[in-house]
Amino acid sequence: LVRTIRRRQRRGLATLIATLVFTTGCSMSSTAGGGSPLPADGAELPILRTWSRAHSHENRAMRLAIRNAADLSQIPLDEFDIDFENEMALVVTLGRMPSDAYQVRITGVRRDRGRLIADVEIVQPPANAPLAISSPYCVAITPRCDLPVEGFATRPPSRSRSWSQSELAPGR
């Protein structure tokens, strides 16, 4: 009888833990005291701060959900402050583009079942826009959420060197 009760307690505890793991994932803290509940399915995740620039110095198109400082340091963007305990950064780079009139924006983020979906808008330049190499990007800071973001990688791609060290001249 005691074993049966303990098994039921363990099953109940395991069920509770599994429920908590599968239903949580976002820390939407707006106060120092803790987080708000996970947004309901279909609900918007607020964009706390956002900005776009014409030059990221990134040659590759990327969509990244950055949740720590180490990953952020691998992306050649302007420095910005972010509290990774409570916030995350969604980054979209277009790579090298032939006009600085290209723009990219993250206009919304919403929960859809067990994932987040970010709405990304790319603005094309007019046909007569002058040619000027650019590398547009957008950053959106949202409350931290550990749910996957559809179409966004969680780590920057690894970089390989495109140059090698020069050999020493003879006699050195």
Foldseek 3Di string as FASTA:
>chain_A
DVVVVVVVVVVVVVVVVVVVVQQAFFAQDPDPPTGDGDDDAFDWFDFPDKDKAFAQVAQDWAWAKEQDPVQVVVGRHPDDDDDSVWKIKIKTKHHKDFASPKEKDFDTWGHHRQAIETDMDIDDDPPPGDTDITIMMMMTMTTGGRRYYPRHHHHDDDDDDPDDDDDDDPPD
